[in-house]
PDB file of N, CA and C in Angstrom:
ATOM      1  N   MET A   1      28.976 -74.679 109.782  1.00  0.00           N
ATOM      2  CA  MET A   1      30.314 -74.461 109.442  1.00  0.00           C
ATOM      3  C   MET A   1      31.120 -74.465 110.717  1.00  0.00           C
ATOM      4  N   GLU A   2      32.374 -74.967 110.598  1.00  0.00           N
ATOM      5  CA  GLU A   2      33.243 -75.132 111.755  1.00  0.00           C
ATOM      6  C   GLU A   2      34.176 -73.884 111.781  1.00  0.00           C
ATOM      7  N   GLU A   3      34.621 -73.621 112.980  1.00  0.00           N
ATOM      8  CA  GLU A   3      35.663 -72.557 113.179  1.00  0.00           C
ATOM      9  C   GLU A   3      36.871 -73.162 113.689  1.00  0.00           C
ATOM     10  N   LEU A   4      37.998 -72.474 113.497  1.00  0.00           N
ATOM     11  CA  LEU A   4      39.228 -72.983 113.865  1.00  0.00           C
ATOM     12  C   LEU A   4      39.525 -72.712 115.354  1.00  0.00           C
ATOM     13  N   ASN A   5      39.329 -73.752 116.195  1.00  0.00           N
ATOM     14  CA  ASN A   5      39.540 -73.590 117.614  1.00  0.00           C
ATOM     15  C   ASN A   5      40.308 -74.883 118.091  1.00  0.00           C
ATOM     16  N   SER A   6      40.612 -74.902 119.325  1.00  0.00           N
ATOM     17  CA  SER A   6      41.465 -76.002 119.847  1.00  0.00           C
ATOM     18  C   SER A   6      40.839 -77.322 119.692  1.00  0.00           C
ATOM     19  N   VAL A   7      39.528 -77.504 119.681  1.00  0.00           N
ATOM     20  CA  VAL A   7      38.905 -78.750 119.495  1.00  0.00           C
ATOM     21  C   VAL A   7      39.156 -79.286 118.024  1.00  0.00           C
ATOM     22  N   THR A   8      38.980 -78.373 117.083  1.00  0.00           N
ATOM     23  CA  THR A   8      39.188 -78.719 115.649  1.00  0.00           C
ATOM     24  C   THR A   8      40.711 -79.123 115.461  1.00  0.00           C
ATOM     25  N   ILE A   9      41.542 -78.377 116.024  1.00  0.00           N
ATOM     26  CA  ILE A   9      42.964 -78.676 115.960  1.00  0.00           C
ATOM     27  C   ILE A   9      43.270 -80.022 116.584  1.00  0.00           C
ATOM     28  N   TYR A  10      42.723 -80.343 117.655  1.00  0.00           N
ATOM     29  CA  TYR A  10      42.849 -81.575 118.315  1.00  0.00           C
ATOM     30  C   TYR A  10      42.444 -82.737 117.396  1.00  0.00           C
ATOM     31  N   TRP A  11      41.272 -82.680 116.728  1.00  0.00           N
ATOM     32  CA  TRP A  11      40.818 -83.668 115.830  1.00  0.00           C
ATOM     33  C   TRP A  11      41.611 -83.756 114.681  1.00  0.00           C
ATOM     34  N   LEU A  12      42.074 -82.677 114.082  1.00  0.00           N
ATOM     35  CA  LEU A  12      43.029 -82.743 112.925  1.00  0.00           C
ATOM     36  C   LEU A  12      44.257 -83.528 113.309  1.00  0.00           C
ATOM     37  N   ILE A  13      44.821 -83.208 114.460  1.00  0.00           N
ATOM     38  CA  ILE A  13      46.040 -83.938 114.908  1.00  0.00           C
ATOM     39  C   ILE A  13      45.741 -85.361 115.115  1.00  0.00           C
ATOM     40  N   SER A  14      44.601 -85.737 115.704  1.00  0.00           N
ATOM     41  CA  SER A  14      44.242 -87.128 115.917  1.00  0.00           C
ATOM     42  C   SER A  14      44.058 -87.937 114.675  1.00  0.00           C
ATOM     43  N   ILE A  15      43.395 -87.220 113.701  1.00  0.00           N
ATOM     44  CA  ILE A  15      43.170 -87.887 112.421  1.00  0.00           C
ATOM     45  C   ILE A  15      44.553 -88.106 111.721  1.00  0.00           C
ATOM     46  N   GLY A  16      45.375 -87.158 111.727  1.00  0.00           N
ATOM     47  CA  GLY A  16      46.711 -87.241 111.162  1.00  0.00           C
ATOM     48  C   GLY A  16      47.538 -88.425 111.701  1.00  0.00           C
ATOM     49  N   LEU A  17      47.495 -88.499 113.079  1.00  0.00           N
ATOM     50  CA  LEU A  17      48.243 -89.612 113.731  1.00  0.00           C
ATOM     51  C   LEU A  17      47.643 -90.955 113.363  1.00  0.00           C
ATOM     52  N   LEU A  18      46.386 -91.074 113.318  1.00  0.00           N
ATOM     53  CA  LEU A  18      45.734 -92.340 112.932  1.00  0.00           C
ATOM     54  C   LEU A  18      46.068 -92.735 111.525  1.00  0.00           C
ATOM     55  N   ILE A  19      46.018 -91.850 110.574  1.00  0.00           N
ATOM     56  CA  ILE A  19      46.264 -92.086 109.242  1.00  0.00           C
ATOM     57  C   ILE A  19      47.752 -92.416 108.999  1.00  0.00           C
ATOM     58  N   GLY A  20      48.638 -91.641 109.665  1.00  0.00           N
ATOM     59  CA  GLY A  20      50.005 -91.983 109.657  1.00  0.00           C
ATOM     60  C   GLY A  20      50.351 -93.407 110.147  1.00  0.00           C
ATOM     61  N   PHE A  21      49.657 -93.790 111.215  1.00  0.00           N
ATOM     62  CA  PHE A  21      49.859 -95.092 111.783  1.00  0.00           C
ATOM     63  C   PHE A  21      49.400 -96.262 110.807  1.00  0.00           C
ATOM     64  N   VAL A  22      48.187 -95.976 110.227  1.00  0.00           N
ATOM     65  CA  VAL A  22      47.624 -96.976 109.295  1.00  0.00           C
ATOM     66  C   VAL A  22      48.519 -97.005 108.013  1.00  0.00           C
ATOM     67  N   MET A  23      49.005 -95.902 107.503  1.00  0.00           N
ATOM     68  CA  MET A  23      49.888 -95.874 106.375  1.00  0.00           C
ATOM     69  C   MET A  23      51.156 -96.656 106.583  1.00  0.00           C
ATOM     70  N   ASP A  24      51.620 -96.501 107.843  1.00  0.00           N
ATOM     71  CA  ASP A  24      52.876 -97.242 108.175  1.00  0.00           C
ATOM     72  C   ASP A  24      52.497 -98.750 108.177  1.00  0.00           C
ATOM     73  N   LEU A  25      51.463 -99.142 108.657  1.00  0.00           N
ATOM     74  CA  LEU A  25      51.068-100.620 108.674  1.00  0.00           C
ATOM     75  C   LEU A  25      50.959-101.133 107.206  1.00  0.00           C
ATOM     76  N   ILE A  26      50.400-100.249 106.375  1.00  0.00           N
ATOM     77  CA  ILE A  26      50.195-100.622 105.032  1.00  0.00           C
ATOM     78  C   ILE A  26      51.551-100.812 104.261  1.00  0.00           C
ATOM     79  N   MET A  27      52.486 -99.919 104.502  1.00  0.00           N
ATOM     80  CA  MET A  27      53.729 -99.860 103.841  1.00  0.00           C
ATOM     81  C   MET A  27      54.711-100.840 104.351  1.00  0.00           C
ATOM     82  N   ILE A  28      54.433-101.498 105.465  1.00  0.00           N
ATOM     83  CA  ILE A  28      55.190-102.404 106.205  1.00  0.00           C
ATOM     84  C   ILE A  28      56.631-101.887 106.456  1.00  0.00           C
ATOM     85  N   LYS A  29      57.686-102.316 105.712  1.00  0.00           N
ATOM     86  CA  LYS A  29      59.001-101.896 105.992  1.00  0.00           C
ATOM     87  C   LYS A  29      59.558-101.020 104.828  1.00  0.00           C
ATOM     88  N   ARG A  30      58.699-100.460 104.009  1.00  0.00           N
ATOM     89  CA  ARG A  30      59.078 -99.639 102.880  1.00  0.00           C
ATOM     90  C   ARG A  30      58.614 -98.247 103.217  1.00  0.00           C
ATOM     91  N   GLY A  31      59.074 -97.312 102.409  1.00  0.00           N
ATOM     92  CA  GLY A  31      58.698 -95.889 102.593  1.00  0.00           C
ATOM     93  C   GLY A  31      59.542 -95.153 103.618  1.00  0.00           C
ATOM     94  N   ILE A  32      58.921 -94.262 104.293  1.00  0.00           N
ATOM     95  CA  ILE A  32      59.688 -93.342 105.154  1.00  0.00           C
ATOM     96  C   ILE A  32      59.725 -93.731 106.628  1.00  0.00           C
ATOM     97  N   GLY A  33      59.070 -94.741 107.019  1.00  0.00           N
ATOM     98  CA  GLY A  33      59.093 -95.210 108.429  1.00  0.00           C
ATOM     99  C   GLY A  33      57.973 -94.665 109.290  1.00  0.00           C
ATOM    100  N   MET A  34      57.856 -95.169 110.538  1.00  0.00           N
ATOM    101  CA  MET A  34      56.790 -94.759 111.348  1.00  0.00           C
ATOM    102  C   MET A  34      56.792 -93.274 111.774  1.00  0.00           C
ATOM    103  N   ILE A  35      57.912 -92.805 112.192  1.00  0.00           N
ATOM    104  CA  ILE A  35      57.990 -91.403 112.669  1.00  0.00           C
ATOM    105  C   ILE A  35      57.687 -90.479 111.529  1.00  0.00           C
ATOM    106  N   GLY A  36      58.219 -90.720 110.339  1.00  0.00           N
ATOM    107  CA  GLY A  36      57.896 -89.937 109.155  1.00  0.00           C
ATOM    108  C   GLY A  36      56.480 -89.913 108.822  1.00  0.00           C
ATOM    109  N   ASN A  37      55.888 -91.129 108.867  1.00  0.00           N
ATOM    110  CA  ASN A  37      54.482 -91.184 108.578  1.00  0.00           C
ATOM    111  C   ASN A  37      53.618 -90.459 109.539  1.00  0.00           C
ATOM    112  N   LEU A  38      53.923 -90.553 110.802  1.00  0.00           N
ATOM    113  CA  LEU A  38      53.157 -89.864 111.863  1.00  0.00           C
ATOM    114  C   LEU A  38      53.295 -88.321 111.662  1.00  0.00           C
ATOM    115  N   ILE A  39      54.527 -87.864 111.511  1.00  0.00           N
ATOM    116  CA  ILE A  39      54.711 -86.422 111.377  1.00  0.00           C
ATOM    117  C   ILE A  39      54.088 -85.896 110.026  1.00  0.00           C
ATOM    118  N   GLY A  40      54.207 -86.716 108.989  1.00  0.00           N
ATOM    119  CA  GLY A  40      53.636 -86.355 107.700  1.00  0.00           C
ATOM    120  C   GLY A  40      52.111 -86.339 107.738  1.00  0.00           C
ATOM    121  N   GLY A  41      51.532 -87.304 108.459  1.00  0.00           N
ATOM    122  CA  GLY A  41      50.102 -87.400 108.557  1.00  0.00           C
ATOM    123  C   GLY A  41      49.565 -86.230 109.378  1.00  0.00           C
ATOM    124  N   VAL A  42      50.246 -85.782 110.438  1.00  0.00           N
ATOM    125  CA  VAL A  42      49.757 -84.632 111.145  1.00  0.00           C
ATOM    126  C   VAL A  42      49.922 -83.362 110.420  1.00  0.00           C
ATOM    127  N   LEU A  43      51.140 -83.245 109.719  1.00  0.00           N
ATOM    128  CA  LEU A  43      51.275 -81.974 108.926  1.00  0.00           C
ATOM    129  C   LEU A  43      50.289 -81.847 107.799  1.00  0.00           C
ATOM    130  N   GLY A  44      50.031 -82.973 107.081  1.00  0.00           N
ATOM    131  CA  GLY A  44      49.095 -82.877 106.003  1.00  0.00           C
ATOM    132  C   GLY A  44      47.663 -82.591 106.419  1.00  0.00           C
ATOM    133  N   SER A  45      47.283 -83.255 107.532  1.00  0.00           N
ATOM    134  CA  SER A  45      45.968 -83.200 108.121  1.00  0.00           C
ATOM    135  C   SER A  45      45.707 -81.683 108.610  1.00  0.00           C
ATOM    136  N   VAL A  46      46.626 -81.225 109.325  1.00  0.00           N
ATOM    137  CA  VAL A  46      46.425 -79.808 109.951  1.00  0.00           C
ATOM    138  C   VAL A  46      46.459 -78.767 108.862  1.00  0.00           C
ATOM    139  N   LEU A  47      47.396 -78.927 107.906  1.00  0.00           N
ATOM    140  CA  LEU A  47      47.479 -77.967 106.794  1.00  0.00           C
ATOM    141  C   LEU A  47      46.164 -77.887 105.942  1.00  0.00           C
ATOM    142  N   ILE A  48      45.707 -79.042 105.524  1.00  0.00           N
ATOM    143  CA  ILE A  48      44.598 -79.112 104.705  1.00  0.00           C
ATOM    144  C   ILE A  48      43.362 -78.761 105.492  1.00  0.00           C
ATOM    145  N   GLY A  49      43.238 -79.126 106.747  1.00  0.00           N
ATOM    146  CA  GLY A  49      42.103 -78.801 107.638  1.00  0.00           C
ATOM    147  C   GLY A  49      42.025 -77.239 107.814  1.00  0.00           C
ATOM    148  N   VAL A  50      43.113 -76.623 108.028  1.00  0.00           N
ATOM    149  CA  VAL A  50      43.136 -75.165 108.192  1.00  0.00           C
ATOM    150  C   VAL A  50      42.752 -74.441 106.999  1.00  0.00           C
ATOM    151  N   VAL A  51      43.208 -74.945 105.812  1.00  0.00           N
ATOM    152  CA  VAL A  51      42.863 -74.273 104.587  1.00  0.00           C
ATOM    153  C   VAL A  51      41.355 -74.460 104.331  1.00  0.00           C
ATOM    154  N   VAL A  52      40.888 -75.646 104.545  1.00  0.00           N
ATOM    155  CA  VAL A  52      39.416 -75.958 104.339  1.00  0.00           C
ATOM    156  C   VAL A  52      38.509 -75.019 105.259  1.00  0.00           C
ATOM    157  N   VAL A  53      38.932 -74.874 106.516  1.00  0.00           N
ATOM    158  CA  VAL A  53      38.163 -74.076 107.454  1.00  0.00           C
ATOM    159  C   VAL A  53      38.294 -72.585 106.970  1.00  0.00           C
ATOM    160  N   SER A  54      39.432 -72.170 106.569  1.00  0.00           N
ATOM    161  CA  SER A  54      39.660 -70.773 106.060  1.00  0.00           C
ATOM    162  C   SER A  54      38.656 -70.512 104.853  1.00  0.00           C
ATOM    163  N   ILE A  55      38.609 -71.512 103.981  1.00  0.00           N
ATOM    164  CA  ILE A  55      37.754 -71.284 102.752  1.00  0.00           C
ATOM    165  C   ILE A  55      36.326 -71.280 103.162  1.00  0.00           C
ATOM    166  N   GLY A  56      35.974 -72.081 104.111  1.00  0.00           N
ATOM    167  CA  GLY A  56      34.512 -72.178 104.614  1.00  0.00           C
ATOM    168  C   GLY A  56      33.754 -73.294 104.150  1.00  0.00           C
ATOM    169  N   LEU A  57      34.472 -74.390 103.700  1.00  0.00           N
ATOM    170  CA  LEU A  57      33.790 -75.518 103.140  1.00  0.00           C
ATOM    171  C   LEU A  57      33.218 -76.383 104.335  1.00  0.00           C
ATOM    172  N   VAL A  58      32.277 -77.229 104.085  1.00  0.00           N
ATOM    173  CA  VAL A  58      31.622 -78.045 105.104  1.00  0.00           C
ATOM    174  C   VAL A  58      32.489 -79.320 105.251  1.00  0.00           C
ATOM    175  N   GLY A  59      32.711 -79.810 106.407  1.00  0.00           N
ATOM    176  CA  GLY A  59      33.398 -81.060 106.669  1.00  0.00           C
ATOM    177  C   GLY A  59      34.883 -81.048 106.550  1.00  0.00           C
ATOM    178  N   PRO A  60      35.552 -80.119 107.263  1.00  0.00           N
ATOM    179  CA  PRO A  60      37.025 -80.048 107.144  1.00  0.00           C
ATOM    180  C   PRO A  60      37.721 -81.254 107.609  1.00  0.00           C
ATOM    181  N   LEU A  61      37.088 -82.067 108.451  1.00  0.00           N
ATOM    182  CA  LEU A  61      37.862 -83.257 108.955  1.00  0.00           C
ATOM    183  C   LEU A  61      37.856 -84.307 107.884  1.00  0.00           C
ATOM    184  N   VAL A  62      36.879 -84.452 107.082  1.00  0.00           N
ATOM    185  CA  VAL A  62      36.830 -85.390 105.981  1.00  0.00           C
ATOM    186  C   VAL A  62      37.934 -84.983 105.020  1.00  0.00           C
ATOM    187  N   TYR A  63      37.962 -83.748 104.584  1.00  0.00           N
ATOM    188  CA  TYR A  63      38.940 -83.213 103.658  1.00  0.00           C
ATOM    189  C   TYR A  63      40.376 -83.411 104.253  1.00  0.00           C
ATOM    190  N   ALA A  64      40.512 -83.247 105.515  1.00  0.00           N
ATOM    191  CA  ALA A  64      41.867 -83.406 106.081  1.00  0.00           C
ATOM    192  C   ALA A  64      42.267 -84.817 106.045  1.00  0.00           C
ATOM    193  N   ALA A  65      41.309 -85.796 106.286  1.00  0.00           N
ATOM    194  CA  ALA A  65      41.702 -87.234 106.159  1.00  0.00           C
ATOM    195  C   ALA A  65      42.078 -87.599 104.764  1.00  0.00           C
ATOM    196  N   ILE A  66      41.286 -87.127 103.795  1.00  0.00           N
ATOM    197  CA  ILE A  66      41.588 -87.554 102.467  1.00  0.00           C
ATOM    198  C   ILE A  66      42.900 -86.908 101.990  1.00  0.00           C
ATOM    199  N   GLY A  67      43.111 -85.678 102.304  1.00  0.00           N
ATOM    200  CA  GLY A  67      44.322 -84.967 101.943  1.00  0.00           C
ATOM    201  C   GLY A  67      45.590 -85.561 102.612  1.00  0.00           C
ATOM    202  N   SER A  68      45.412 -86.022 103.809  1.00  0.00           N
ATOM    203  CA  SER A  68      46.544 -86.625 104.548  1.00  0.00           C
ATOM    204  C   SER A  68      46.913 -87.926 103.914  1.00  0.00           C
ATOM    205  N   ILE A  69      45.813 -88.744 103.479  1.00  0.00           N
ATOM    206  CA  ILE A  69      46.072 -90.013 102.879  1.00  0.00           C
ATOM    207  C   ILE A  69      46.833 -89.816 101.547  1.00  0.00           C
ATOM    208  N   ALA A  70      46.378 -88.838 100.760  1.00  0.00           N
ATOM    209  CA  ALA A  70      47.004 -88.505  99.534  1.00  0.00           C
ATOM    210  C   ALA A  70      48.393 -88.057  99.648  1.00  0.00           C
ATOM    211  N   PHE A  71      48.659 -87.103 100.682  1.00  0.00           N
ATOM    212  CA  PHE A  71      50.010 -86.669 100.905  1.00  0.00           C
ATOM    213  C   PHE A  71      50.907 -87.793 101.287  1.00  0.00           C
ATOM    214  N   LEU A  72      50.578 -88.648 102.250  1.00  0.00           N
ATOM    215  CA  LEU A  72      51.428 -89.743 102.735  1.00  0.00           C
ATOM    216  C   LEU A  72      51.639 -90.732 101.547  1.00  0.00           C
ATOM    217  N   PHE A  73      50.674 -90.980 100.752  1.00  0.00           N
ATOM    218  CA  PHE A  73      50.830 -91.885  99.594  1.00  0.00           C
ATOM    219  C   PHE A  73      51.942 -91.396  98.635  1.00  0.00           C
ATOM    220  N   LEU A  74      51.844 -90.130  98.332  1.00  0.00           N
ATOM    221  CA  LEU A  74      52.865 -89.578  97.429  1.00  0.00           C
ATOM    222  C   LEU A  74      54.219 -89.511  98.052  1.00  0.00           C
ATOM    223  N   VAL A  75      54.403 -89.175  99.303  1.00  0.00           N
ATOM    224  CA  VAL A  75      55.676 -89.110  99.983  1.00  0.00           C
ATOM    225  C   VAL A  75      56.240 -90.626 100.066  1.00  0.00           C
ATOM    226  N   ASN A  76      55.395 -91.542 100.415  1.00  0.00           N
ATOM    227  CA  ASN A  76      55.887 -92.934 100.526  1.00  0.00           C
ATOM    228  C   ASN A  76      56.328 -93.499  99.142  1.00  0.00           C
ATOM    229  N   VAL A  77      55.485 -93.271  98.158  1.00  0.00           N
ATOM    230  CA  VAL A  77      55.780 -93.832  96.857  1.00  0.00           C
ATOM    231  C   VAL A  77      57.065 -93.219  96.246  1.00  0.00           C
ATOM    232  N   PHE A  78      57.281 -91.975  96.454  1.00  0.00           N
ATOM    233  CA  PHE A  78      58.536 -91.324  95.876  1.00  0.00           C
ATOM    234  C   PHE A  78      59.708 -91.495  96.731  1.00  0.00           C
ATOM    235  N   SER A  79      59.562 -92.025  97.884  1.00  0.00           N
ATOM    236  CA  SER A  79      60.817 -92.277  98.709  1.00  0.00           C
ATOM    237  C   SER A  79      61.105 -93.745  98.728  1.00  0.00           C
ATOM    238  N   LEU A  80      60.545 -94.644  97.952  1.00  0.00           N
ATOM    239  CA  LEU A  80      60.893 -96.082  97.892  1.00  0.00           C
ATOM    240  C   LEU A  80      62.270 -96.218  97.283  1.00  0.00           C
ATOM    241  N   HIS A  81      63.084 -97.037  97.829  1.00  0.00           N
ATOM    242  CA  HIS A  81      64.343 -97.257  97.389  1.00  0.00           C
ATOM    243  C   HIS A  81      64.496 -98.758  97.145  1.00  0.00           C
ATOM    244  N   PRO A  82      64.753 -99.177  95.887  1.00  0.00           N
ATOM    245  CA  PRO A  82      64.847-100.615  95.645  1.00  0.00           C
ATOM    246  C   PRO A  82      66.085-101.244  96.400  1.00  0.00           C
ATOM    247  N   GLU A  83      65.779-102.420  97.000  1.00  0.00           N
ATOM    248  CA  GLU A  83      66.838-103.031  97.776  1.00  0.00           C
ATOM    249  C   GLU A  83      67.902-103.613  96.902  1.00  0.00           C
ATOM    250  N   ASP A  84      67.478-104.095  95.712  1.00  0.00           N
ATOM    251  CA  ASP A  84      68.392-104.702  94.706  1.00  0.00           C
ATOM    252  C   ASP A  84      68.794-103.614  93.727  1.00  0.00           C
ATOM    253  N   LYS A  85      69.941-103.120  93.711  1.00  0.00           N
ATOM    254  CA  LYS A  85      70.338-102.136  92.717  1.00  0.00           C
ATOM    255  C   LYS A  85      70.965-102.747  91.502  1.00  0.00           C
ATOM    256  N   ILE A  86      70.288-102.655  90.493  1.00  0.00           N
ATOM    257  CA  ILE A  86      70.648-103.270  89.243  1.00  0.00           C
ATOM    258  C   ILE A  86      71.573-102.220  88.420  1.00  0.00           C
ATOM    259  N   GLU A  87      72.663-102.641  88.072  1.00  0.00           N
ATOM    260  CA  GLU A  87      73.609-101.769  87.353  1.00  0.00           C
ATOM    261  C   GLU A  87      73.268-101.826  85.848  1.00  0.00           C
ATOM    262  N   ALA A  88      73.083-100.635  85.296  1.00  0.00           N
ATOM    263  CA  ALA A  88      72.693-100.614  83.900  1.00  0.00           C
ATOM    264  C   ALA A  88      73.992-100.664  83.148  1.00  0.00           C
ATOM    265  N   LYS A  89      73.951-101.518  82.019  1.00  0.00           N
ATOM    266  CA  LYS A  89      75.033-101.771  81.158  1.00  0.00           C
ATOM    267  C   LYS A  89      74.749-101.049  79.861  1.00  0.00           C
ATOM    268  N   ALA A  90      75.751-100.313  79.357  1.00  0.00           N
ATOM    269  CA  ALA A  90      75.555 -99.566  78.134  1.00  0.00           C
ATOM    270  C   ALA A  90      75.863-100.491  76.848  1.00  0.00           C
TER     271      ALA A  90
END
């Protein structure tokens, strides 16, 4: 089992940055942008990693990566704004 120390926090931040960057590459010019993806990736990864370490599960870095991907996916999908605004006619 891992403990919450500076090395674990470093790896959680690194995983969050990597996943945020990859998610920005996948979303191209849609979603929340690069800075938002990087910050969201770090926040999601650290939050889920700390919770998993506190619970005592094995492999908090894997859970942090999966949780960060899920968090950024939801944030990017719900922040999409269509470029063509179609006016509804009654």
